[in-house]
């Protein structure tokens, strides 16, 4: 559960989700990742560290550059956790649909 908490915490910030979306297209250097953001390189590095601690990215040093690669496996934990509640929401939506179907029948 600790890793799930780390992953949920990491993806809770919109900038980190944007970084993940960017890296889903392929690995990139830290400077390339920082380019579209209106924040300092230091701030982007801090976001990358959070993602790295959650296992969502992997950093590899290539000469002077740090190349960051997305790792999607930890998101499976989030999907698995959320899937446990799918039955609950399906039941509620089915009840909601039945209510409006009955209401529509009574109007006819």
C-alpha atoms as a PDB file:
ATOM      1  CA  UNK A   1       0.000   0.000   0.000  1.00  0.00           C
ATOM      2  CA  UNK A   2       2.944   2.355   0.598  1.00  0.00           C
ATOM      3  CA  UNK A   3       3.918   2.244  -3.070  1.00  0.00           C
ATOM      4  CA  UNK A   4       0.310   2.883  -4.093  1.00  0.00           C
ATOM      5  CA  UNK A   5       0.300   5.947  -1.838  1.00  0.00           C
ATOM      6  CA  UNK A   6       3.546   7.152  -3.398  1.00  0.00           C
ATOM      7  CA  UNK A   7       2.151   6.711  -6.907  1.00  0.00           C
ATOM      8  CA  UNK A   8      -1.134   8.433  -6.042  1.00  0.00           C
ATOM      9  CA  UNK A   9       0.792  11.271  -4.436  1.00  0.00           C
ATOM     10  CA  UNK A  10       3.055  11.580  -7.462  1.00  0.00           C
ATOM     11  CA  UNK A  11       0.209  11.771  -9.950  1.00  0.00           C
ATOM     12  CA  UNK A  12      -1.811  14.159  -7.783  1.00  0.00           C
ATOM     13  CA  UNK A  13       0.023  17.206  -9.157  1.00  0.00           C
ATOM     14  CA  UNK A  14      -0.959  18.488 -12.623  1.00  0.00           C
ATOM     15  CA  UNK A  15       2.645  19.291 -13.575  1.00  0.00           C
ATOM     16  CA  UNK A  16       3.725  15.738 -12.810  1.00  0.00           C
ATOM     17  CA  UNK A  17       0.828  14.351 -14.849  1.00  0.00           C
ATOM     18  CA  UNK A  18       1.906  16.621 -17.718  1.00  0.00           C
ATOM     19  CA  UNK A  19       5.472  15.326 -17.404  1.00  0.00           C
ATOM     20  CA  UNK A  20       4.183  11.739 -17.547  1.00  0.00           C
ATOM     21  CA  UNK A  21       2.123  12.584 -20.644  1.00  0.00           C
ATOM     22  CA  UNK A  22       5.194  14.085 -22.269  1.00  0.00           C
ATOM     23  CA  UNK A  23       7.390  11.098 -21.406  1.00  0.00           C
ATOM     24  CA  UNK A  24       4.760   8.657 -22.683  1.00  0.00           C
ATOM     25  CA  UNK A  25       5.951   9.759 -26.142  1.00  0.00           C
ATOM     26  CA  UNK A  26       9.481   8.621 -25.354  1.00  0.00           C
ATOM     27  CA  UNK A  27      12.507   9.378 -23.199  1.00  0.00           C
ATOM     28  CA  UNK A  28      13.744  12.965 -22.934  1.00  0.00           C
ATOM     29  CA  UNK A  29      16.514  14.990 -21.341  1.00  0.00           C
ATOM     30  CA  UNK A  30      15.608  17.025 -18.275  1.00  0.00           C
ATOM     31  CA  UNK A  31      16.049  20.284 -20.205  1.00  0.00           C
ATOM     32  CA  UNK A  32      13.613  19.054 -22.881  1.00  0.00           C
ATOM     33  CA  UNK A  33      11.092  18.086 -20.231  1.00  0.00           C
ATOM     34  CA  UNK A  34      11.360  21.522 -18.613  1.00  0.00           C
ATOM     35  CA  UNK A  35      10.934  23.465 -21.859  1.00  0.00           C
ATOM     36  CA  UNK A  36       7.091  23.654 -21.998  1.00  0.00           C
ATOM     37  CA  UNK A  37       6.746  24.562 -18.312  1.00  0.00           C
ATOM     38  CA  UNK A  38       6.702  28.011 -16.809  1.00  0.00           C
ATOM     39  CA  UNK A  39       8.883  26.994 -13.862  1.00  0.00           C
ATOM     40  CA  UNK A  40      12.550  26.763 -13.058  1.00  0.00           C
ATOM     41  CA  UNK A  41      14.694  23.795 -14.009  1.00  0.00           C
ATOM     42  CA  UNK A  42      15.124  23.193 -10.273  1.00  0.00           C
ATOM     43  CA  UNK A  43      11.332  22.945  -9.804  1.00  0.00           C
ATOM     44  CA  UNK A  44      11.047  20.478 -12.690  1.00  0.00           C
ATOM     45  CA  UNK A  45      13.879  18.432 -11.152  1.00  0.00           C
ATOM     46  CA  UNK A  46      11.969  18.269  -7.863  1.00  0.00           C
ATOM     47  CA  UNK A  47       8.870  16.992  -9.676  1.00  0.00           C
ATOM     48  CA  UNK A  48      11.014  14.401 -11.458  1.00  0.00           C
ATOM     49  CA  UNK A  49      12.412  13.210  -8.126  1.00  0.00           C
ATOM     50  CA  UNK A  50       8.880  12.615  -6.817  1.00  0.00           C
ATOM     51  CA  UNK A  51       8.031  10.656  -9.964  1.00  0.00           C
ATOM     52  CA  UNK A  52      11.294   8.727  -9.656  1.00  0.00           C
ATOM     53  CA  UNK A  53      10.649   7.831  -5.999  1.00  0.00           C
ATOM     54  CA  UNK A  54       7.233   6.481  -7.001  1.00  0.00           C
ATOM     55  CA  UNK A  55       8.864   4.366  -9.717  1.00  0.00           C
ATOM     56  CA  UNK A  56       7.080   6.202 -12.534  1.00  0.00           C
ATOM     57  CA  UNK A  57      10.267   7.351 -14.232  1.00  0.00           C
ATOM     58  CA  UNK A  58      13.796   6.044 -14.573  1.00  0.00           C
ATOM     59  CA  UNK A  59      16.802   8.337 -14.838  1.00  0.00           C
ATOM     60  CA  UNK A  60      19.893   7.397 -16.781  1.00  0.00           C
ATOM     61  CA  UNK A  61      22.970   9.560 -16.945  1.00  0.00           C
ATOM     62  CA  UNK A  62      24.422   9.852 -20.446  1.00  0.00           C
ATOM     63  CA  UNK A  63      27.498  12.029 -20.264  1.00  0.00           C
ATOM     64  CA  UNK A  64      26.378  15.370 -18.860  1.00  0.00           C
ATOM     65  CA  UNK A  65      22.733  14.737 -19.664  1.00  0.00           C
ATOM     66  CA  UNK A  66      20.138  13.015 -17.551  1.00  0.00           C
ATOM     67  CA  UNK A  67      17.689  11.106 -19.744  1.00  0.00           C
ATOM     68  CA  UNK A  68      14.334  10.355 -18.166  1.00  0.00           C
ATOM     69  CA  UNK A  69      12.168   7.443 -19.259  1.00  0.00           C
ATOM     70  CA  UNK A  70       8.555   6.757 -18.300  1.00  0.00           C
ATOM     71  CA  UNK A  71       7.762   3.525 -16.450  1.00  0.00           C
ATOM     72  CA  UNK A  72       4.051   2.733 -16.506  1.00  0.00           C
ATOM     73  CA  UNK A  73       3.982  -0.373 -14.308  1.00  0.00           C
ATOM     74  CA  UNK A  74       3.183   1.505 -11.062  1.00  0.00           C
ATOM     75  CA  UNK A  75       0.037   2.887 -12.698  1.00  0.00           C
ATOM     76  CA  UNK A  76      -1.305  -0.676 -12.821  1.00  0.00           C
ATOM     77  CA  UNK A  77      -1.541  -0.544  -9.027  1.00  0.00           C
ATOM     78  CA  UNK A  78      -3.701   2.576  -9.305  1.00  0.00           C
ATOM     79  CA  UNK A  79      -5.866   0.945 -11.973  1.00  0.00           C
ATOM     80  CA  UNK A  80      -6.236  -2.188  -9.841  1.00  0.00           C
ATOM     81  CA  UNK A  81      -7.199  -0.171  -6.794  1.00  0.00           C
ATOM     82  CA  UNK A  82      -9.746   1.883  -8.752  1.00  0.00           C
ATOM     83  CA  UNK A  83     -11.135  -1.250 -10.406  1.00  0.00           C
ATOM     84  CA  UNK A  84     -12.219  -2.551  -6.992  1.00  0.00           C
ATOM     85  CA  UNK A  85     -14.757   0.287  -6.869  1.00  0.00           C
ATOM     86  CA  UNK A  86     -16.071  -0.197 -10.408  1.00  0.00           C
ATOM     87  CA  UNK A  87     -18.815  -2.571  -9.187  1.00  0.00           C
ATOM     88  CA  UNK A  88     -19.972   0.046  -6.690  1.00  0.00           C
ATOM     89  CA  UNK A  89     -20.286   2.742  -9.367  1.00  0.00           C
ATOM     90  CA  UNK A  90     -21.915   0.405 -11.886  1.00  0.00           C
ATOM     91  CA  UNK A  91     -24.586  -0.514  -9.327  1.00  0.00           C
ATOM     92  CA  UNK A  92     -25.233   3.158  -8.558  1.00  0.00           C
ATOM     93  CA  UNK A  93     -25.442   4.074 -12.244  1.00  0.00           C
ATOM     94  CA  UNK A  94     -27.792   1.146 -12.915  1.00  0.00           C
ATOM     95  CA  UNK A  95     -30.056   2.368 -10.098  1.00  0.00           C
ATOM     96  CA  UNK A  96     -29.911   5.884 -11.522  1.00  0.00           C
ATOM     97  CA  UNK A  97     -30.822   4.608 -15.001  1.00  0.00           C
ATOM     98  CA  UNK A  98     -33.730   2.540 -13.608  1.00  0.00           C
ATOM     99  CA  UNK A  99     -35.102   5.577 -11.795  1.00  0.00           C
ATOM    100  CA  UNK A 100     -35.227   7.662 -14.963  1.00  0.00           C
ATOM    101  CA  UNK A 101     -36.598   4.773 -17.048  1.00  0.00           C
ATOM    102  CA  UNK A 102     -39.477   4.363 -14.570  1.00  0.00           C
ATOM    103  CA  UNK A 103     -40.056   8.118 -14.445  1.00  0.00           C
ATOM    104  CA  UNK A 104     -40.195   8.236 -18.265  1.00  0.00           C
ATOM    105  CA  UNK A 105     -42.717   5.327 -18.303  1.00  0.00           C
ATOM    106  CA  UNK A 106     -44.976   7.115 -15.809  1.00  0.00           C
ATOM    107  CA  UNK A 107     -45.057  10.239 -17.996  1.00  0.00           C
ATOM    108  CA  UNK A 108     -46.204   8.233 -21.057  1.00  0.00           C
END
